[in-house]
Amino acid sequence: YATESEILNCINNIDVIGSYTYVGGIVGGIVNGKINKCINTGNITGAHSVGGITAIMSNNSEMNCCINSGNIKTATSGSANTYYIAGGITGLTNNLSGDTTSITNCYNIGSVYGYTNTGGILGLRQGGGKHIVENCYSIGSLSGNRIWGIAGENSTWNGSPKVTVSNNYWLSGCGANYGDYVYRNNGATPQTVEQIKNLAATLGEEWTEDTTGINNGYPILKWQIEEK
């Protein structure tokens, strides 16, 4: 659990198994910190609140240019009153009023299962403040009881989330019905395989085409090849 920290250029290649909550590939949770240019390839399993990069982001935390290719999974049964949340990049964002969490320029290619809530990028937003998801895509298979291609459900516990979801894309047929819980597909658009493979310019300046084949032709982040 990282507080007022910056996590940069980290890679996890092993499976991580937790018996309770907040299980992530890079860090369990981050508060008022930054995660940048990190990759998870391991399979991440926990009871609830599970994410490829981190399980929970809180209170002015930022994530940028991160990648998950591992399979993400919560417990397969439990109390209906407990959020069994999974996200390809982050399981849960949780803010106090006036704070902001942001997930930008990230992609998920792993499968994600959340018993109650599943998101290709983010599983659930909770608390007041701003919750931002921009310039991301997810192509992994998604499953669970409530499934969203990019950003999952809002919880009004501890405040009402103020949501910005823009310029995100998810693979049609991955298991989700819609891209975003609040606006359905506004800012989270379903696309075919070929459409997603041609999205690099649309996603923005951090992205480039996969001319090397390291991501099967899907867009990659420029730092993946610039820093080799």
C-alpha atoms as a PDB file:
ATOM      1  CA  TYR A   1       0.000   0.000   0.000  1.00  0.00           C
ATOM      2  CA  ALA A   2       1.683   3.195  -1.192  1.00  0.00           C
ATOM      3  CA  THR A   3       0.970   6.691   0.189  1.00  0.00           C
ATOM      4  CA  GLU A   4       2.316   9.892  -1.396  1.00  0.00           C
ATOM      5  CA  SER A   5       4.532   7.755  -3.624  1.00  0.00           C
ATOM      6  CA  GLU A   6       5.570   7.498  -7.271  1.00  0.00           C
ATOM      7  CA  ILE A   7       5.876   4.071  -8.901  1.00  0.00           C
ATOM      8  CA  LEU A   8       7.691   4.214 -12.240  1.00  0.00           C
ATOM      9  CA  ASN A   9       8.918   1.666 -14.821  1.00  0.00           C
ATOM     10  CA  CYS A  10       7.977  -1.468 -12.860  1.00  0.00           C
ATOM     11  CA  ILE A  11       7.105  -4.890 -14.301  1.00  0.00           C
ATOM     12  CA  ASN A  12       5.483  -7.845 -12.562  1.00  0.00           C
ATOM     13  CA  ASN A  13       5.679 -11.243 -14.280  1.00  0.00           C
ATOM     14  CA  ILE A  14       4.495 -13.545 -11.480  1.00  0.00           C
ATOM     15  CA  ASP A  15       1.046 -14.614 -10.303  1.00  0.00           C
ATOM     16  CA  VAL A  16      -0.272 -12.829  -7.198  1.00  0.00           C
ATOM     17  CA  ILE A  17      -2.860 -14.553  -4.988  1.00  0.00           C
ATOM     18  CA  GLY A  18      -4.541 -12.791  -2.062  1.00  0.00           C
ATOM     19  CA  SER A  19      -7.040 -14.287   0.355  1.00  0.00           C
ATOM     20  CA  TYR A  20      -8.871 -11.050   1.133  1.00  0.00           C
ATOM     21  CA  THR A  21      -9.082  -7.582  -0.458  1.00  0.00           C
ATOM     22  CA  TYR A  22      -6.907  -5.075  -2.394  1.00  0.00           C
ATOM     23  CA  VAL A  23      -4.799  -7.354  -4.565  1.00  0.00           C
ATOM     24  CA  GLY A  24      -2.870  -5.787  -7.452  1.00  0.00           C
ATOM     25  CA  GLY A  25      -0.121  -6.719  -9.875  1.00  0.00           C
ATOM     26  CA  ILE A  26       2.111  -3.754  -9.003  1.00  0.00           C
ATOM     27  CA  VAL A  27       0.692  -2.421  -5.707  1.00  0.00           C
ATOM     28  CA  GLY A  28      -2.371  -3.230  -3.625  1.00  0.00           C
ATOM     29  CA  GLY A  29      -3.432   0.399  -3.261  1.00  0.00           C
ATOM     30  CA  ILE A  30      -2.147   3.925  -3.807  1.00  0.00           C
ATOM     31  CA  VAL A  31      -3.207   7.137  -2.017  1.00  0.00           C
ATOM     32  CA  ASN A  32      -2.216  10.582  -3.308  1.00  0.00           C
ATOM     33  CA  GLY A  33       0.417   9.099  -5.618  1.00  0.00           C
ATOM     34  CA  LYS A  34       1.401   8.327  -9.191  1.00  0.00           C
ATOM     35  CA  ILE A  35       1.882   5.133 -11.186  1.00  0.00           C
ATOM     36  CA  ASN A  36       3.528   5.513 -14.586  1.00  0.00           C
ATOM     37  CA  LYS A  37       4.832   3.147 -17.273  1.00  0.00           C
ATOM     38  CA  CYS A  38       4.173  -0.104 -15.400  1.00  0.00           C
ATOM     39  CA  ILE A  39       3.256  -3.543 -16.759  1.00  0.00           C
ATOM     40  CA  ASN A  40       1.614  -6.576 -15.209  1.00  0.00           C
ATOM     41  CA  THR A  41       1.693  -9.949 -16.980  1.00  0.00           C
ATOM     42  CA  GLY A  42       0.884 -12.159 -13.965  1.00  0.00           C
ATOM     43  CA  ASN A  43      -2.520 -13.575 -13.082  1.00  0.00           C
ATOM     44  CA  ILE A  44      -4.008 -11.640 -10.147  1.00  0.00           C
ATOM     45  CA  THR A  45      -6.541 -13.293  -7.816  1.00  0.00           C
ATOM     46  CA  GLY A  46      -8.219 -12.016  -4.651  1.00  0.00           C
ATOM     47  CA  ALA A  47     -11.478 -12.180  -2.739  1.00  0.00           C
ATOM     48  CA  HIS A  48     -12.608  -8.713  -3.824  1.00  0.00           C
ATOM     49  CA  SER A  49     -11.161  -5.412  -5.120  1.00  0.00           C
ATOM     50  CA  VAL A  50      -8.644  -6.820  -7.595  1.00  0.00           C
ATOM     51  CA  GLY A  51      -6.802  -5.041 -10.401  1.00  0.00           C
ATOM     52  CA  GLY A  52      -4.083  -5.695 -12.948  1.00  0.00           C
ATOM     53  CA  ILE A  53      -1.927  -2.746 -11.862  1.00  0.00           C
ATOM     54  CA  THR A  54      -3.524  -1.747  -8.551  1.00  0.00           C
ATOM     55  CA  ALA A  55      -6.642  -2.765  -6.645  1.00  0.00           C
ATOM     56  CA  ILE A  56      -7.580   0.721  -5.373  1.00  0.00           C
ATOM     57  CA  MET A  57      -6.653   4.319  -6.209  1.00  0.00           C
ATOM     58  CA  SER A  58      -7.614   7.027  -3.715  1.00  0.00           C
ATOM     59  CA  ASN A  59      -7.527  10.792  -3.202  1.00  0.00           C
ATOM     60  CA  ASN A  60      -5.612  12.541  -5.982  1.00  0.00           C
ATOM     61  CA  SER A  61      -3.907   9.479  -7.439  1.00  0.00           C
ATOM     62  CA  GLU A  62      -2.883   9.283 -11.095  1.00  0.00           C
ATOM     63  CA  MET A  63      -2.131   6.368 -13.392  1.00  0.00           C
ATOM     64  CA  ASN A  64      -0.684   6.844 -16.859  1.00  0.00           C
ATOM     65  CA  CYS A  65       0.741   4.635 -19.618  1.00  0.00           C
ATOM     66  CA  CYS A  66       0.241   1.267 -17.872  1.00  0.00           C
ATOM     67  CA  ILE A  67      -0.508  -2.174 -19.330  1.00  0.00           C
ATOM     68  CA  ASN A  68      -2.131  -5.358 -18.066  1.00  0.00           C
ATOM     69  CA  SER A  69      -2.009  -8.687 -19.881  1.00  0.00           C
ATOM     70  CA  GLY A  70      -2.637 -10.977 -16.894  1.00  0.00           C
ATOM     71  CA  ASN A  71      -5.957 -12.583 -16.009  1.00  0.00           C
ATOM     72  CA  ILE A  72      -7.799 -10.837 -13.159  1.00  0.00           C
ATOM     73  CA  LYS A  73     -10.258 -12.671 -10.909  1.00  0.00           C
ATOM     74  CA  THR A  74     -12.245 -12.176  -7.698  1.00  0.00           C
ATOM     75  CA  ALA A  75     -13.903 -14.829  -5.571  1.00  0.00           C
ATOM     76  CA  THR A  76     -16.746 -16.601  -7.356  1.00  0.00           C
ATOM     77  CA  SER A  77     -19.294 -16.317  -4.539  1.00  0.00           C
ATOM     78  CA  GLY A  78     -20.043 -14.209  -1.494  1.00  0.00           C
ATOM     79  CA  SER A  79     -22.429 -11.770   0.161  1.00  0.00           C
ATOM     80  CA  ALA A  80     -24.610  -9.752  -2.187  1.00  0.00           C
ATOM     81  CA  ASN A  81     -23.814  -6.694  -0.028  1.00  0.00           C
ATOM     82  CA  THR A  82     -20.060  -6.932  -0.652  1.00  0.00           C
ATOM     83  CA  TYR A  83     -18.484  -5.505  -3.793  1.00  0.00           C
ATOM     84  CA  TYR A  84     -16.476  -8.223  -5.505  1.00  0.00           C
ATOM     85  CA  ILE A  85     -14.820  -5.819  -7.928  1.00  0.00           C
ATOM     86  CA  ALA A  86     -12.302  -6.482 -10.697  1.00  0.00           C
ATOM     87  CA  GLY A  87     -10.731  -4.161 -13.259  1.00  0.00           C
ATOM     88  CA  GLY A  88      -8.166  -4.850 -15.942  1.00  0.00           C
ATOM     89  CA  ILE A  89      -6.120  -1.870 -14.771  1.00  0.00           C
ATOM     90  CA  THR A  90      -7.708  -0.793 -11.449  1.00  0.00           C
ATOM     91  CA  GLY A  91     -10.376  -2.466  -9.376  1.00  0.00           C
ATOM     92  CA  LEU A  92     -11.687   0.598  -7.544  1.00  0.00           C
ATOM     93  CA  THR A  93     -11.284   4.382  -7.400  1.00  0.00           C
ATOM     94  CA  ASN A  94     -12.274   5.996  -4.113  1.00  0.00           C
ATOM     95  CA  ASN A  95     -12.235   9.760  -3.513  1.00  0.00           C
ATOM     96  CA  LEU A  96     -13.057  12.266  -0.843  1.00  0.00           C
ATOM     97  CA  SER A  97     -15.042  15.268  -2.051  1.00  0.00           C
ATOM     98  CA  GLY A  98     -12.754  17.655  -3.919  1.00  0.00           C
ATOM     99  CA  ASP A  99     -10.199  14.969  -4.833  1.00  0.00           C
ATOM    100  CA  THR A 100      -9.496  13.409  -8.244  1.00  0.00           C
ATOM    101  CA  THR A 101      -8.348  10.029  -9.510  1.00  0.00           C
ATOM    102  CA  SER A 102      -7.342   9.588 -13.145  1.00  0.00           C
ATOM    103  CA  ILE A 103      -6.516   6.631 -15.379  1.00  0.00           C
ATOM    104  CA  THR A 104      -5.116   7.725 -18.753  1.00  0.00           C
ATOM    105  CA  ASN A 105      -3.389   6.048 -21.704  1.00  0.00           C
ATOM    106  CA  CYS A 106      -3.668   2.485 -20.393  1.00  0.00           C
ATOM    107  CA  TYR A 107      -4.708  -0.788 -22.013  1.00  0.00           C
ATOM    108  CA  ASN A 108      -5.868  -4.208 -20.901  1.00  0.00           C
ATOM    109  CA  ILE A 109      -5.583  -7.425 -22.912  1.00  0.00           C
ATOM    110  CA  GLY A 110      -6.171  -9.903 -20.066  1.00  0.00           C
ATOM    111  CA  SER A 111      -9.428 -11.573 -19.085  1.00  0.00           C
ATOM    112  CA  VAL A 112     -11.295 -10.038 -16.133  1.00  0.00           C
ATOM    113  CA  TYR A 113     -13.834 -11.681 -13.836  1.00  0.00           C
ATOM    114  CA  GLY A 114     -15.600  -9.814 -11.022  1.00  0.00           C
ATOM    115  CA  TYR A 115     -18.311 -11.666  -9.107  1.00  0.00           C
ATOM    116  CA  THR A 116     -20.384  -8.485  -8.714  1.00  0.00           C
ATOM    117  CA  ASN A 117     -18.600  -5.821 -10.797  1.00  0.00           C
ATOM    118  CA  THR A 118     -16.287  -6.092 -13.809  1.00  0.00           C
ATOM    119  CA  GLY A 119     -14.639  -3.378 -15.906  1.00  0.00           C
ATOM    120  CA  GLY A 120     -12.158  -3.716 -18.732  1.00  0.00           C
ATOM    121  CA  ILE A 121     -10.183  -0.805 -17.267  1.00  0.00           C
ATOM    122  CA  LEU A 122     -11.937   0.140 -13.974  1.00  0.00           C
ATOM    123  CA  GLY A 123     -14.341  -1.968 -11.929  1.00  0.00           C
ATOM    124  CA  LEU A 124     -16.125   0.582  -9.702  1.00  0.00           C
ATOM    125  CA  ARG A 125     -16.073   4.278  -8.725  1.00  0.00           C
ATOM    126  CA  GLN A 126     -16.812   5.239  -5.132  1.00  0.00           C
ATOM    127  CA  GLY A 127     -17.026   8.463  -3.144  1.00  0.00           C
ATOM    128  CA  GLY A 128     -17.194  12.091  -4.194  1.00  0.00           C
ATOM    129  CA  GLY A 129     -14.699  14.060  -6.223  1.00  0.00           C
ATOM    130  CA  LYS A 130     -13.722  13.392  -9.818  1.00  0.00           C
ATOM    131  CA  HIS A 131     -13.130   9.999 -11.437  1.00  0.00           C
ATOM    132  CA  ILE A 132     -11.442  10.224 -14.865  1.00  0.00           C
ATOM    133  CA  VAL A 133     -10.821   7.487 -17.458  1.00  0.00           C
ATOM    134  CA  GLU A 134      -9.393   8.725 -20.772  1.00  0.00           C
ATOM    135  CA  ASN A 135      -7.561   7.423 -23.850  1.00  0.00           C
ATOM    136  CA  CYS A 136      -7.707   3.746 -22.867  1.00  0.00           C
ATOM    137  CA  TYR A 137      -8.776   0.485 -24.483  1.00  0.00           C
ATOM    138  CA  SER A 138      -9.584  -3.064 -23.397  1.00  0.00           C
ATOM    139  CA  ILE A 139      -9.737  -6.188 -25.563  1.00  0.00           C
ATOM    140  CA  GLY A 140      -9.722  -8.892 -22.874  1.00  0.00           C
ATOM    141  CA  SER A 141     -12.685 -11.193 -22.306  1.00  0.00           C
ATOM    142  CA  LEU A 142     -14.932  -9.974 -19.465  1.00  0.00           C
ATOM    143  CA  SER A 143     -17.311 -11.928 -17.241  1.00  0.00           C
ATOM    144  CA  GLY A 144     -19.289 -11.638 -14.009  1.00  0.00           C
ATOM    145  CA  ASN A 145     -22.710 -10.390 -12.931  1.00  0.00           C
ATOM    146  CA  ARG A 146     -22.367  -6.702 -13.952  1.00  0.00           C
ATOM    147  CA  ILE A 147     -19.942  -6.176 -16.811  1.00  0.00           C
ATOM    148  CA  TRP A 148     -18.692  -2.972 -18.456  1.00  0.00           C
ATOM    149  CA  GLY A 149     -16.262  -2.699 -21.343  1.00  0.00           C
ATOM    150  CA  ILE A 150     -14.306   0.203 -19.836  1.00  0.00           C
ATOM    151  CA  ALA A 151     -15.602   1.664 -16.557  1.00  0.00           C
ATOM    152  CA  GLY A 152     -17.994  -0.051 -14.183  1.00  0.00           C
ATOM    153  CA  GLU A 153     -20.610   0.890 -11.658  1.00  0.00           C
ATOM    154  CA  ASN A 154     -20.880   3.989  -9.436  1.00  0.00           C
ATOM    155  CA  SER A 155     -21.237   3.629  -5.682  1.00  0.00           C
ATOM    156  CA  THR A 156     -22.722   6.625  -3.859  1.00  0.00           C
ATOM    157  CA  TRP A 157     -21.321   5.504  -0.517  1.00  0.00           C
ATOM    158  CA  ASN A 158     -19.351   8.471   0.880  1.00  0.00           C
ATOM    159  CA  GLY A 159     -20.495  10.846  -1.862  1.00  0.00           C
ATOM    160  CA  SER A 160     -21.605  10.931  -5.487  1.00  0.00           C
ATOM    161  CA  PRO A 161     -18.852  10.381  -8.076  1.00  0.00           C
ATOM    162  CA  LYS A 162     -18.325  13.048 -10.733  1.00  0.00           C
ATOM    163  CA  VAL A 163     -17.399  11.043 -13.801  1.00  0.00           C
ATOM    164  CA  THR A 164     -15.383  11.851 -16.920  1.00  0.00           C
ATOM    165  CA  VAL A 165     -15.049   8.982 -19.408  1.00  0.00           C
ATOM    166  CA  SER A 166     -13.721  10.018 -22.816  1.00  0.00           C
ATOM    167  CA  ASN A 167     -11.983   8.523 -25.863  1.00  0.00           C
ATOM    168  CA  ASN A 168     -11.995   4.912 -24.632  1.00  0.00           C
ATOM    169  CA  TYR A 169     -12.633   1.770 -26.690  1.00  0.00           C
ATOM    170  CA  TRP A 170     -13.562  -1.807 -25.907  1.00  0.00           C
ATOM    171  CA  LEU A 171     -13.779  -4.936 -27.999  1.00  0.00           C
ATOM    172  CA  SER A 172     -17.296  -5.732 -29.147  1.00  0.00           C
ATOM    173  CA  GLY A 173     -18.163  -9.295 -28.150  1.00  0.00           C
ATOM    174  CA  CYS A 174     -15.804  -9.353 -25.142  1.00  0.00           C
ATOM    175  CA  GLY A 175     -18.716 -10.070 -22.768  1.00  0.00           C
ATOM    176  CA  ALA A 176     -19.838  -6.524 -21.914  1.00  0.00           C
ATOM    177  CA  ASN A 177     -23.085  -4.922 -23.036  1.00  0.00           C
ATOM    178  CA  TYR A 178     -21.934  -1.329 -22.592  1.00  0.00           C
ATOM    179  CA  GLY A 179     -18.727   0.617 -22.103  1.00  0.00           C
ATOM    180  CA  ASP A 180     -19.540   2.858 -19.126  1.00  0.00           C
ATOM    181  CA  TYR A 181     -22.064   2.482 -16.320  1.00  0.00           C
ATOM    182  CA  VAL A 182     -23.188   6.108 -16.259  1.00  0.00           C
ATOM    183  CA  TYR A 183     -23.401   7.054 -19.920  1.00  0.00           C
ATOM    184  CA  ARG A 184     -23.513   3.573 -21.427  1.00  0.00           C
ATOM    185  CA  ASN A 185     -21.293   4.163 -24.471  1.00  0.00           C
ATOM    186  CA  ASN A 186     -20.634   7.891 -24.285  1.00  0.00           C
ATOM    187  CA  GLY A 187     -16.836   8.085 -24.202  1.00  0.00           C
ATOM    188  CA  ALA A 188     -16.499   4.284 -24.207  1.00  0.00           C
ATOM    189  CA  THR A 189     -17.130   2.923 -27.680  1.00  0.00           C
ATOM    190  CA  PRO A 190     -17.399  -0.723 -28.822  1.00  0.00           C
ATOM    191  CA  GLN A 191     -15.134  -1.577 -31.757  1.00  0.00           C
ATOM    192  CA  THR A 192     -14.211  -4.557 -33.914  1.00  0.00           C
ATOM    193  CA  VAL A 193     -10.724  -6.063 -33.869  1.00  0.00           C
ATOM    194  CA  GLU A 194      -9.707  -4.208 -37.017  1.00  0.00           C
ATOM    195  CA  GLN A 195     -11.108  -0.911 -35.764  1.00  0.00           C
ATOM    196  CA  ILE A 196      -9.141  -1.143 -32.520  1.00  0.00           C
ATOM    197  CA  LYS A 197      -5.957  -2.036 -34.403  1.00  0.00           C
ATOM    198  CA  ASN A 198      -6.270   1.284 -36.240  1.00  0.00           C
ATOM    199  CA  LEU A 199      -6.863   3.488 -33.186  1.00  0.00           C
ATOM    200  CA  ALA A 200      -3.329   4.649 -32.365  1.00  0.00           C
ATOM    201  CA  ALA A 201      -3.732   8.155 -33.798  1.00  0.00           C
ATOM    202  CA  THR A 202      -7.187   8.513 -32.254  1.00  0.00           C
ATOM    203  CA  LEU A 203      -5.976   7.516 -28.792  1.00  0.00           C
ATOM    204  CA  GLY A 204      -3.464  10.363 -28.756  1.00  0.00           C
ATOM    205  CA  GLU A 205       0.164  11.363 -28.634  1.00  0.00           C
ATOM    206  CA  GLU A 206       1.260   8.664 -26.168  1.00  0.00           C
ATOM    207  CA  TRP A 207       0.305   5.941 -28.664  1.00  0.00           C
ATOM    208  CA  THR A 208       1.736   4.392 -31.805  1.00  0.00           C
ATOM    209  CA  GLU A 209       0.941   1.565 -34.222  1.00  0.00           C
ATOM    210  CA  ASP A 210       2.296  -1.878 -33.405  1.00  0.00           C
ATOM    211  CA  THR A 211       4.670  -2.311 -36.317  1.00  0.00           C
ATOM    212  CA  THR A 212       6.849  -4.750 -34.339  1.00  0.00           C
ATOM    213  CA  GLY A 213       4.093  -7.274 -33.567  1.00  0.00           C
ATOM    214  CA  ILE A 214       4.658  -7.140 -29.798  1.00  0.00           C
ATOM    215  CA  ASN A 215       0.920  -6.667 -29.227  1.00  0.00           C
ATOM    216  CA  ASN A 216      -0.538  -8.633 -32.157  1.00  0.00           C
ATOM    217  CA  GLY A 217      -1.129  -5.449 -34.126  1.00  0.00           C
ATOM    218  CA  TYR A 218      -3.093  -3.604 -31.440  1.00  0.00           C
ATOM    219  CA  PRO A 219      -1.937  -0.077 -30.499  1.00  0.00           C
ATOM    220  CA  ILE A 220       1.012   0.194 -28.123  1.00  0.00           C
ATOM    221  CA  LEU A 221       2.427   2.982 -26.006  1.00  0.00           C
ATOM    222  CA  LYS A 222       5.403   4.812 -27.480  1.00  0.00           C
ATOM    223  CA  TRP A 223       7.510   4.196 -24.393  1.00  0.00           C
ATOM    224  CA  GLN A 224       7.356   0.447 -25.045  1.00  0.00           C
ATOM    225  CA  ILE A 225       9.650   0.825 -28.049  1.00  0.00           C
ATOM    226  CA  GLU A 226      11.390   4.129 -27.304  1.00  0.00           C
ATOM    227  CA  GLU A 227      12.935   2.816 -24.096  1.00  0.00           C
ATOM    228  CA  LYS A 228      14.104  -0.541 -25.445  1.00  0.00           C
END
